[in-house]
Amino acid sequence: MKKAVRSLVIVALLAGCGENTPVQSVDWYKTHDMERKNMIAKCKTSPGELAASPNCINAQKAQNEKDLSRRGYLTLPPVDFSKKGD
C-alpha cells in the first residue's frame, strides 16, 4: 500500500514538471511577426506534439486573420438563426 501511495505521489509531482511556456493571445501574435513565424515553424516541425497547443493555435489563427485582412476579407459576426425576422 505504501508503495502505491509513494508511486502516485511521484507521478503527481512529475506531472507538474512540464514546460511552463506562457500562452500568448491571438492579438499578441498579430503584433509580433517574428515570434508568430517562429512559433508556426516550430509547430510544423512537430505537429503530433505541438499542433494542439494553445500557442500553435493562436499563432496560426493570427496568421490566418492577417492573411485574410490583406485580401480584403472581414471577420463577420456569426449568424443567429434563433432570432426571428421583423
PDB file of N, CA and C in Angstrom:
ATOM      1  N   MET A   1       0.826  -1.189   0.000  1.00  0.00           N
ATOM      2  CA  MET A   1       0.000   0.000   0.000  1.00  0.00           C
ATOM      3  C   MET A   1       0.870   1.252   0.000  1.00  0.00           C
ATOM      4  N   LYS A   2       1.934   1.223   0.804  1.00  0.00           N
ATOM      5  CA  LYS A   2       2.814   2.390   0.869  1.00  0.00           C
ATOM      6  C   LYS A   2       3.501   2.628  -0.473  1.00  0.00           C
ATOM      7  N   LYS A   3       3.842   1.537  -1.163  1.00  0.00           N
ATOM      8  CA  LYS A   3       4.484   1.682  -2.466  1.00  0.00           C
ATOM      9  C   LYS A   3       3.533   2.325  -3.469  1.00  0.00           C
ATOM     10  N   ALA A   4       2.271   1.950  -3.406  1.00  0.00           N
ATOM     11  CA  ALA A   4       1.285   2.520  -4.327  1.00  0.00           C
ATOM     12  C   ALA A   4       1.105   4.013  -4.068  1.00  0.00           C
ATOM     13  N   VAL A   5       1.010   4.397  -2.817  1.00  0.00           N
ATOM     14  CA  VAL A   5       0.851   5.810  -2.466  1.00  0.00           C
ATOM     15  C   VAL A   5       2.096   6.585  -2.876  1.00  0.00           C
ATOM     16  N   ARG A   6       3.256   6.020  -2.597  1.00  0.00           N
ATOM     17  CA  ARG A   6       4.510   6.676  -2.952  1.00  0.00           C
ATOM     18  C   ARG A   6       4.599   6.850  -4.476  1.00  0.00           C
ATOM     19  N   SER A   7       4.205   5.828  -5.214  1.00  0.00           N
ATOM     20  CA  SER A   7       4.232   5.906  -6.677  1.00  0.00           C
ATOM     21  C   SER A   7       3.295   6.993  -7.183  1.00  0.00           C
ATOM     22  N   LEU A   8       2.108   7.076  -6.606  1.00  0.00           N
ATOM     23  CA  LEU A   8       1.153   8.106  -7.020  1.00  0.00           C
ATOM     24  C   LEU A   8       1.675   9.511  -6.731  1.00  0.00           C
ATOM     25  N   VAL A   9       2.320   9.688  -5.602  1.00  0.00           N
ATOM     26  CA  VAL A   9       2.883  10.995  -5.255  1.00  0.00           C
ATOM     27  C   VAL A   9       3.983  11.370  -6.247  1.00  0.00           C
ATOM     28  N   ILE A  10       4.835  10.426  -6.584  1.00  0.00           N
ATOM     29  CA  ILE A  10       5.918  10.697  -7.531  1.00  0.00           C
ATOM     30  C   ILE A  10       5.353  11.043  -8.906  1.00  0.00           C
ATOM     31  N   VAL A  11       4.361  10.298  -9.343  1.00  0.00           N
ATOM     32  CA  VAL A  11       3.735  10.578 -10.641  1.00  0.00           C
ATOM     33  C   VAL A  11       3.094  11.960 -10.634  1.00  0.00           C
ATOM     34  N   ALA A  12       2.424  12.312  -9.555  1.00  0.00           N
ATOM     35  CA  ALA A  12       1.785  13.629  -9.460  1.00  0.00           C
ATOM     36  C   ALA A  12       2.818  14.750  -9.493  1.00  0.00           C
ATOM     37  N   LEU A  13       3.934  14.557  -8.829  1.00  0.00           N
ATOM     38  CA  LEU A  13       4.988  15.574  -8.834  1.00  0.00           C
ATOM     39  C   LEU A  13       5.621  15.716 -10.210  1.00  0.00           C
ATOM     40  N   LEU A  14       5.853  14.599 -10.879  1.00  0.00           N
ATOM     41  CA  LEU A  14       6.461  14.650 -12.200  1.00  0.00           C
ATOM     42  C   LEU A  14       5.511  15.225 -13.245  1.00  0.00           C
ATOM     43  N   ALA A  15       4.228  15.073 -13.042  1.00  0.00           N
ATOM     44  CA  ALA A  15       3.252  15.624 -13.987  1.00  0.00           C
ATOM     45  C   ALA A  15       3.321  17.140 -14.014  1.00  0.00           C
ATOM     46  N   GLY A  16       3.704  17.750 -12.927  1.00  0.00           N
ATOM     47  CA  GLY A  16       3.813  19.203 -12.867  1.00  0.00           C
ATOM     48  C   GLY A  16       5.142  19.738 -13.356  1.00  0.00           C
ATOM     49  N   CYS A  17       6.011  18.877 -13.848  1.00  0.00           N
ATOM     50  CA  CYS A  17       7.335  19.316 -14.295  1.00  0.00           C
ATOM     51  C   CYS A  17       7.383  19.639 -15.778  1.00  0.00           C
ATOM     52  N   GLY A  18       6.252  19.839 -16.402  1.00  0.00           N
ATOM     53  CA  GLY A  18       6.224  20.146 -17.829  1.00  0.00           C
ATOM     54  C   GLY A  18       6.765  21.528 -18.120  1.00  0.00           C
ATOM     55  N   GLU A  19       6.873  21.820 -19.401  1.00  0.00           N
ATOM     56  CA  GLU A  19       7.376  23.124 -19.837  1.00  0.00           C
ATOM     57  C   GLU A  19       6.343  24.193 -19.511  1.00  0.00           C
ATOM     58  N   ASN A  20       6.763  25.275 -18.889  1.00  0.00           N
ATOM     59  CA  ASN A  20       5.860  26.350 -18.493  1.00  0.00           C
ATOM     60  C   ASN A  20       5.983  27.526 -19.452  1.00  0.00           C
ATOM     61  N   THR A  21       5.614  27.303 -20.698  1.00  0.00           N
ATOM     62  CA  THR A  21       5.644  28.360 -21.693  1.00  0.00           C
ATOM     63  C   THR A  21       4.385  29.199 -21.543  1.00  0.00           C
ATOM     64  N   PRO A  22       4.518  30.517 -21.434  1.00  0.00           N
ATOM     65  CA  PRO A  22       3.321  31.348 -21.305  1.00  0.00           C
ATOM     66  C   PRO A  22       2.502  31.315 -22.596  1.00  0.00           C
ATOM     67  N   VAL A  23       1.200  31.308 -22.456  1.00  0.00           N
ATOM     68  CA  VAL A  23       0.307  31.290 -23.611  1.00  0.00           C
ATOM     69  C   VAL A  23       0.075  32.727 -24.058  1.00  0.00           C
ATOM     70  N   GLN A  24       0.375  32.988 -25.325  1.00  0.00           N
ATOM     71  CA  GLN A  24       0.185  34.319 -25.893  1.00  0.00           C
ATOM     72  C   GLN A  24      -1.150  34.361 -26.632  1.00  0.00           C
ATOM     73  N   SER A  25      -1.762  35.533 -26.661  1.00  0.00           N
ATOM     74  CA  SER A  25      -3.066  35.688 -27.312  1.00  0.00           C
ATOM     75  C   SER A  25      -2.899  35.857 -28.821  1.00  0.00           C
ATOM     76  N   VAL A  26      -4.013  35.755 -29.526  1.00  0.00           N
ATOM     77  CA  VAL A  26      -4.016  35.963 -30.974  1.00  0.00           C
ATOM     78  C   VAL A  26      -3.570  37.389 -31.289  1.00  0.00           C
ATOM     79  N   ASP A  27      -4.083  38.358 -30.535  1.00  0.00           N
ATOM     80  CA  ASP A  27      -3.698  39.757 -30.761  1.00  0.00           C
ATOM     81  C   ASP A  27      -2.199  39.964 -30.547  1.00  0.00           C
ATOM     82  N   TRP A  28      -1.628  39.280 -29.569  1.00  0.00           N
ATOM     83  CA  TRP A  28      -0.188  39.395 -29.322  1.00  0.00           C
ATOM     84  C   TRP A  28       0.587  38.883 -30.530  1.00  0.00           C
ATOM     85  N   TYR A  29       0.172  37.731 -31.059  1.00  0.00           N
ATOM     86  CA  TYR A  29       0.861  37.181 -32.223  1.00  0.00           C
ATOM     87  C   TYR A  29       0.673  38.058 -33.455  1.00  0.00           C
ATOM     88  N   LYS A  30      -0.440  38.770 -33.554  1.00  0.00           N
ATOM     89  CA  LYS A  30      -0.640  39.678 -34.691  1.00  0.00           C
ATOM     90  C   LYS A  30       0.375  40.817 -34.671  1.00  0.00           C
ATOM     91  N   THR A  31       0.756  41.267 -33.500  1.00  0.00           N
ATOM     92  CA  THR A  31       1.679  42.398 -33.394  1.00  0.00           C
ATOM     93  C   THR A  31       3.145  41.975 -33.319  1.00  0.00           C
ATOM     94  N   HIS A  32       3.420  40.708 -33.117  1.00  0.00           N
ATOM     95  CA  HIS A  32       4.797  40.205 -33.014  1.00  0.00           C
ATOM     96  C   HIS A  32       5.059  39.230 -34.164  1.00  0.00           C
ATOM     97  N   ASP A  33       5.434  39.782 -35.314  1.00  0.00           N
ATOM     98  CA  ASP A  33       5.592  38.976 -36.530  1.00  0.00           C
ATOM     99  C   ASP A  33       6.645  37.882 -36.400  1.00  0.00           C
ATOM    100  N   MET A  34       7.808  38.209 -35.880  1.00  0.00           N
ATOM    101  CA  MET A  34       8.893  37.234 -35.806  1.00  0.00           C
ATOM    102  C   MET A  34       8.532  36.075 -34.877  1.00  0.00           C
ATOM    103  N   GLU A  35       7.943  36.384 -33.729  1.00  0.00           N
ATOM    104  CA  GLU A  35       7.548  35.328 -32.792  1.00  0.00           C
ATOM    105  C   GLU A  35       6.464  34.442 -33.402  1.00  0.00           C
ATOM    106  N   ARG A  36       5.522  35.069 -34.146  1.00  0.00           N
ATOM    107  CA  ARG A  36       4.461  34.292 -34.793  1.00  0.00           C
ATOM    108  C   ARG A  36       5.058  33.336 -35.817  1.00  0.00           C
ATOM    109  N   LYS A  37       5.954  33.833 -36.654  1.00  0.00           N
ATOM    110  CA  LYS A  37       6.565  32.986 -37.684  1.00  0.00           C
ATOM    111  C   LYS A  37       7.389  31.867 -37.059  1.00  0.00           C
ATOM    112  N   ASN A  38       8.122  32.181 -36.000  1.00  0.00           N
ATOM    113  CA  ASN A  38       8.916  31.155 -35.314  1.00  0.00           C
ATOM    114  C   ASN A  38       8.027  30.088 -34.691  1.00  0.00           C
ATOM    115  N   MET A  39       6.915  30.504 -34.085  1.00  0.00           N
ATOM    116  CA  MET A  39       6.013  29.535 -33.453  1.00  0.00           C
ATOM    117  C   MET A  39       5.366  28.641 -34.503  1.00  0.00           C
ATOM    118  N   ILE A  40       4.943  29.208 -35.619  1.00  0.00           N
ATOM    119  CA  ILE A  40       4.329  28.401 -36.677  1.00  0.00           C
ATOM    120  C   ILE A  40       5.345  27.403 -37.230  1.00  0.00           C
ATOM    121  N   ALA A  41       6.582  27.838 -37.423  1.00  0.00           N
ATOM    122  CA  ALA A  41       7.627  26.926 -37.907  1.00  0.00           C
ATOM    123  C   ALA A  41       7.881  25.805 -36.901  1.00  0.00           C
ATOM    124  N   LYS A  42       7.922  26.155 -35.624  1.00  0.00           N
ATOM    125  CA  LYS A  42       8.137  25.157 -34.569  1.00  0.00           C
ATOM    126  C   LYS A  42       6.983  24.156 -34.540  1.00  0.00           C
ATOM    127  N   CYS A  43       5.768  24.644 -34.714  1.00  0.00           N
ATOM    128  CA  CYS A  43       4.591  23.765 -34.693  1.00  0.00           C
ATOM    129  C   CYS A  43       4.582  22.826 -35.893  1.00  0.00           C
ATOM    130  N   LYS A  44       5.066  23.302 -37.032  1.00  0.00           N
ATOM    131  CA  LYS A  44       5.089  22.465 -38.235  1.00  0.00           C
ATOM    132  C   LYS A  44       6.166  21.393 -38.169  1.00  0.00           C
ATOM    133  N   THR A  45       7.233  21.631 -37.416  1.00  0.00           N
ATOM    134  CA  THR A  45       8.288  20.622 -37.317  1.00  0.00           C
ATOM    135  C   THR A  45       7.878  19.455 -36.431  1.00  0.00           C
ATOM    136  N   SER A  46       6.942  19.687 -35.512  1.00  0.00           N
ATOM    137  CA  SER A  46       6.492  18.626 -34.610  1.00  0.00           C
ATOM    138  C   SER A  46       4.976  18.705 -34.424  1.00  0.00           C
ATOM    139  N   PRO A  47       4.207  18.459 -35.496  1.00  0.00           N
ATOM    140  CA  PRO A  47       2.755  18.637 -35.396  1.00  0.00           C
ATOM    141  C   PRO A  47       2.071  17.656 -34.447  1.00  0.00           C
ATOM    142  N   GLY A  48       2.580  16.457 -34.330  1.00  0.00           N
ATOM    143  CA  GLY A  48       1.958  15.490 -33.436  1.00  0.00           C
ATOM    144  C   GLY A  48       2.064  15.881 -31.980  1.00  0.00           C
ATOM    145  N   GLU A  49       3.103  16.615 -31.654  1.00  0.00           N
ATOM    146  CA  GLU A  49       3.347  17.007 -30.272  1.00  0.00           C
ATOM    147  C   GLU A  49       2.803  18.397 -29.952  1.00  0.00           C
ATOM    148  N   LEU A  50       2.876  19.315 -30.922  1.00  0.00           N
ATOM    149  CA  LEU A  50       2.580  20.714 -30.623  1.00  0.00           C
ATOM    150  C   LEU A  50       1.346  21.290 -31.316  1.00  0.00           C
ATOM    151  N   ALA A  51       0.809  20.635 -32.328  1.00  0.00           N
ATOM    152  CA  ALA A  51      -0.251  21.242 -33.140  1.00  0.00           C
ATOM    153  C   ALA A  51      -1.468  21.666 -32.327  1.00  0.00           C
ATOM    154  N   ALA A  52      -1.785  20.944 -31.275  1.00  0.00           N
ATOM    155  CA  ALA A  52      -2.963  21.273 -30.470  1.00  0.00           C
ATOM    156  C   ALA A  52      -2.636  22.171 -29.283  1.00  0.00           C
ATOM    157  N   SER A  53      -1.400  22.652 -29.199  1.00  0.00           N
ATOM    158  CA  SER A  53      -1.040  23.522 -28.075  1.00  0.00           C
ATOM    159  C   SER A  53      -1.659  24.908 -28.280  1.00  0.00           C
ATOM    160  N   PRO A  54      -1.991  25.601 -27.200  1.00  0.00           N
ATOM    161  CA  PRO A  54      -2.623  26.921 -27.323  1.00  0.00           C
ATOM    162  C   PRO A  54      -1.797  27.918 -28.131  1.00  0.00           C
ATOM    163  N   ASN A  55      -0.480  27.912 -27.975  1.00  0.00           N
ATOM    164  CA  ASN A  55       0.345  28.861 -28.717  1.00  0.00           C
ATOM    165  C   ASN A  55       0.344  28.565 -30.214  1.00  0.00           C
ATOM    166  N   CYS A  56       0.350  27.305 -30.601  1.00  0.00           N
ATOM    167  CA  CYS A  56       0.296  26.962 -32.023  1.00  0.00           C
ATOM    168  C   CYS A  56      -1.036  27.390 -32.628  1.00  0.00           C
ATOM    169  N   ILE A  57      -2.101  27.135 -31.910  1.00  0.00           N
ATOM    170  CA  ILE A  57      -3.427  27.510 -32.399  1.00  0.00           C
ATOM    171  C   ILE A  57      -3.539  29.024 -32.514  1.00  0.00           C
ATOM    172  N   ASN A  58      -3.093  29.754 -31.501  1.00  0.00           N
ATOM    173  CA  ASN A  58      -3.191  31.215 -31.522  1.00  0.00           C
ATOM    174  C   ASN A  58      -2.303  31.826 -32.603  1.00  0.00           C
ATOM    175  N   ALA A  59      -1.105  31.295 -32.777  1.00  0.00           N
ATOM    176  CA  ALA A  59      -0.208  31.826 -33.810  1.00  0.00           C
ATOM    177  C   ALA A  59      -0.787  31.587 -35.201  1.00  0.00           C
ATOM    178  N   GLN A  60      -1.340  30.403 -35.435  1.00  0.00           N
ATOM    179  CA  GLN A  60      -1.917  30.106 -36.745  1.00  0.00           C
ATOM    180  C   GLN A  60      -3.167  30.940 -36.998  1.00  0.00           C
ATOM    181  N   LYS A  61      -3.987  31.140 -35.975  1.00  0.00           N
ATOM    182  CA  LYS A  61      -5.187  31.974 -36.124  1.00  0.00           C
ATOM    183  C   LYS A  61      -4.787  33.413 -36.430  1.00  0.00           C
ATOM    184  N   ALA A  62      -3.761  33.926 -35.770  1.00  0.00           N
ATOM    185  CA  ALA A  62      -3.284  35.282 -36.043  1.00  0.00           C
ATOM    186  C   ALA A  62      -2.783  35.390 -37.482  1.00  0.00           C
ATOM    187  N   GLN A  63      -2.059  34.373 -37.948  1.00  0.00           N
ATOM    188  CA  GLN A  63      -1.572  34.380 -39.329  1.00  0.00           C
ATOM    189  C   GLN A  63      -2.737  34.355 -40.307  1.00  0.00           C
ATOM    190  N   ASN A  64      -3.735  33.522 -40.047  1.00  0.00           N
ATOM    191  CA  ASN A  64      -4.904  33.447 -40.920  1.00  0.00           C
ATOM    192  C   ASN A  64      -5.636  34.782 -40.980  1.00  0.00           C
ATOM    193  N   GLU A  65      -5.819  35.423 -39.833  1.00  0.00           N
ATOM    194  CA  GLU A  65      -6.516  36.702 -39.798  1.00  0.00           C
ATOM    195  C   GLU A  65      -5.726  37.781 -40.535  1.00  0.00           C
ATOM    196  N   LYS A  66      -4.409  37.784 -40.398  1.00  0.00           N
ATOM    197  CA  LYS A  66      -3.587  38.764 -41.120  1.00  0.00           C
ATOM    198  C   LYS A  66      -3.661  38.521 -42.625  1.00  0.00           C
ATOM    199  N   ASP A  67      -3.614  37.251 -43.036  1.00  0.00           N
ATOM    200  CA  ASP A  67      -3.713  36.927 -44.462  1.00  0.00           C
ATOM    201  C   ASP A  67      -5.061  37.360 -45.028  1.00  0.00           C
ATOM    202  N   LEU A  68      -6.127  37.082 -44.298  1.00  0.00           N
ATOM    203  CA  LEU A  68      -7.460  37.453 -44.775  1.00  0.00           C
ATOM    204  C   LEU A  68      -7.642  38.962 -44.824  1.00  0.00           C
ATOM    205  N   SER A  69      -7.076  39.686 -43.880  1.00  0.00           N
ATOM    206  CA  SER A  69      -7.224  41.141 -43.885  1.00  0.00           C
ATOM    207  C   SER A  69      -6.480  41.754 -45.072  1.00  0.00           C
ATOM    208  N   ARG A  70      -5.385  41.141 -45.492  1.00  0.00           N
ATOM    209  CA  ARG A  70      -4.657  41.630 -46.668  1.00  0.00           C
ATOM    210  C   ARG A  70      -5.464  41.414 -47.943  1.00  0.00           C
ATOM    211  N   ARG A  71      -6.273  40.372 -47.959  1.00  0.00           N
ATOM    212  CA  ARG A  71      -7.075  40.066 -49.144  1.00  0.00           C
ATOM    213  C   ARG A  71      -8.387  40.843 -49.171  1.00  0.00           C
ATOM    214  N   GLY A  72      -8.688  41.529 -48.092  1.00  0.00           N
ATOM    215  CA  GLY A  72      -9.904  42.328 -48.049  1.00  0.00           C
ATOM    216  C   GLY A  72     -11.092  41.630 -47.422  1.00  0.00           C
ATOM    217  N   TYR A  73     -10.891  40.464 -46.834  1.00  0.00           N
ATOM    218  CA  TYR A  73     -11.981  39.770 -46.167  1.00  0.00           C
ATOM    219  C   TYR A  73     -12.192  40.357 -44.779  1.00  0.00           C
ATOM    220  N   LEU A  74     -13.414  40.288 -44.327  1.00  0.00           N
ATOM    221  CA  LEU A  74     -13.744  40.786 -42.999  1.00  0.00           C
ATOM    222  C   LEU A  74     -14.158  39.631 -42.108  1.00  0.00           C
ATOM    223  N   THR A  75     -13.925  39.774 -40.833  1.00  0.00           N
ATOM    224  CA  THR A  75     -14.429  38.806 -39.869  1.00  0.00           C
ATOM    225  C   THR A  75     -15.849  39.219 -39.523  1.00  0.00           C
ATOM    226  N   LEU A  76     -16.798  38.422 -39.937  1.00  0.00           N
ATOM    227  CA  LEU A  76     -18.203  38.748 -39.723  1.00  0.00           C
ATOM    228  C   LEU A  76     -18.719  38.083 -38.462  1.00  0.00           C
ATOM    229  N   PRO A  77     -19.715  38.699 -37.822  1.00  0.00           N
ATOM    230  CA  PRO A  77     -20.298  38.054 -36.650  1.00  0.00           C
ATOM    231  C   PRO A  77     -21.059  36.802 -37.086  1.00  0.00           C
ATOM    232  N   PRO A  78     -21.170  35.818 -36.215  1.00  0.00           N
ATOM    233  CA  PRO A  78     -21.882  34.596 -36.580  1.00  0.00           C
ATOM    234  C   PRO A  78     -23.364  34.866 -36.800  1.00  0.00           C
ATOM    235  N   VAL A  79     -23.973  34.088 -37.681  1.00  0.00           N
ATOM    236  CA  VAL A  79     -25.396  34.215 -37.966  1.00  0.00           C
ATOM    237  C   VAL A  79     -26.170  33.557 -36.835  1.00  0.00           C
ATOM    238  N   ASP A  80     -27.177  34.261 -36.338  1.00  0.00           N
ATOM    239  CA  ASP A  80     -28.001  33.737 -35.249  1.00  0.00           C
ATOM    240  C   ASP A  80     -29.381  33.410 -35.805  1.00  0.00           C
ATOM    241  N   PHE A  81     -29.640  32.131 -36.051  1.00  0.00           N
ATOM    242  CA  PHE A  81     -30.908  31.712 -36.624  1.00  0.00           C
ATOM    243  C   PHE A  81     -32.030  31.651 -35.597  1.00  0.00           C
ATOM    244  N   SER A  82     -31.693  31.841 -34.330  1.00  0.00           N
ATOM    245  CA  SER A  82     -32.736  31.786 -33.304  1.00  0.00           C
ATOM    246  C   SER A  82     -33.563  33.069 -33.267  1.00  0.00           C
ATOM    247  N   LYS A  83     -33.052  34.158 -33.834  1.00  0.00           N
ATOM    248  CA  LYS A  83     -33.809  35.410 -33.875  1.00  0.00           C
ATOM    249  C   LYS A  83     -34.772  35.378 -35.046  1.00  0.00           C
ATOM    250  N   LYS A  84     -35.982  35.800 -34.804  1.00  0.00           N
ATOM    251  CA  LYS A  84     -36.988  35.834 -35.860  1.00  0.00           C
ATOM    252  C   LYS A  84     -36.959  37.201 -36.517  1.00  0.00           C
ATOM    253  N   GLY A  85     -37.125  37.216 -37.827  1.00  0.00           N
ATOM    254  CA  GLY A  85     -37.121  38.473 -38.574  1.00  0.00           C
ATOM    255  C   GLY A  85     -38.334  39.321 -38.234  1.00  0.00           C
ATOM    256  N   ASP A  86     -38.196  40.625 -38.472  1.00  0.00           N
ATOM    257  CA  ASP A  86     -39.306  41.535 -38.177  1.00  0.00           C
ATOM    258  C   ASP A  86     -40.258  41.609 -39.325  1.00  0.00           C
TER     259      ASP A  86
END
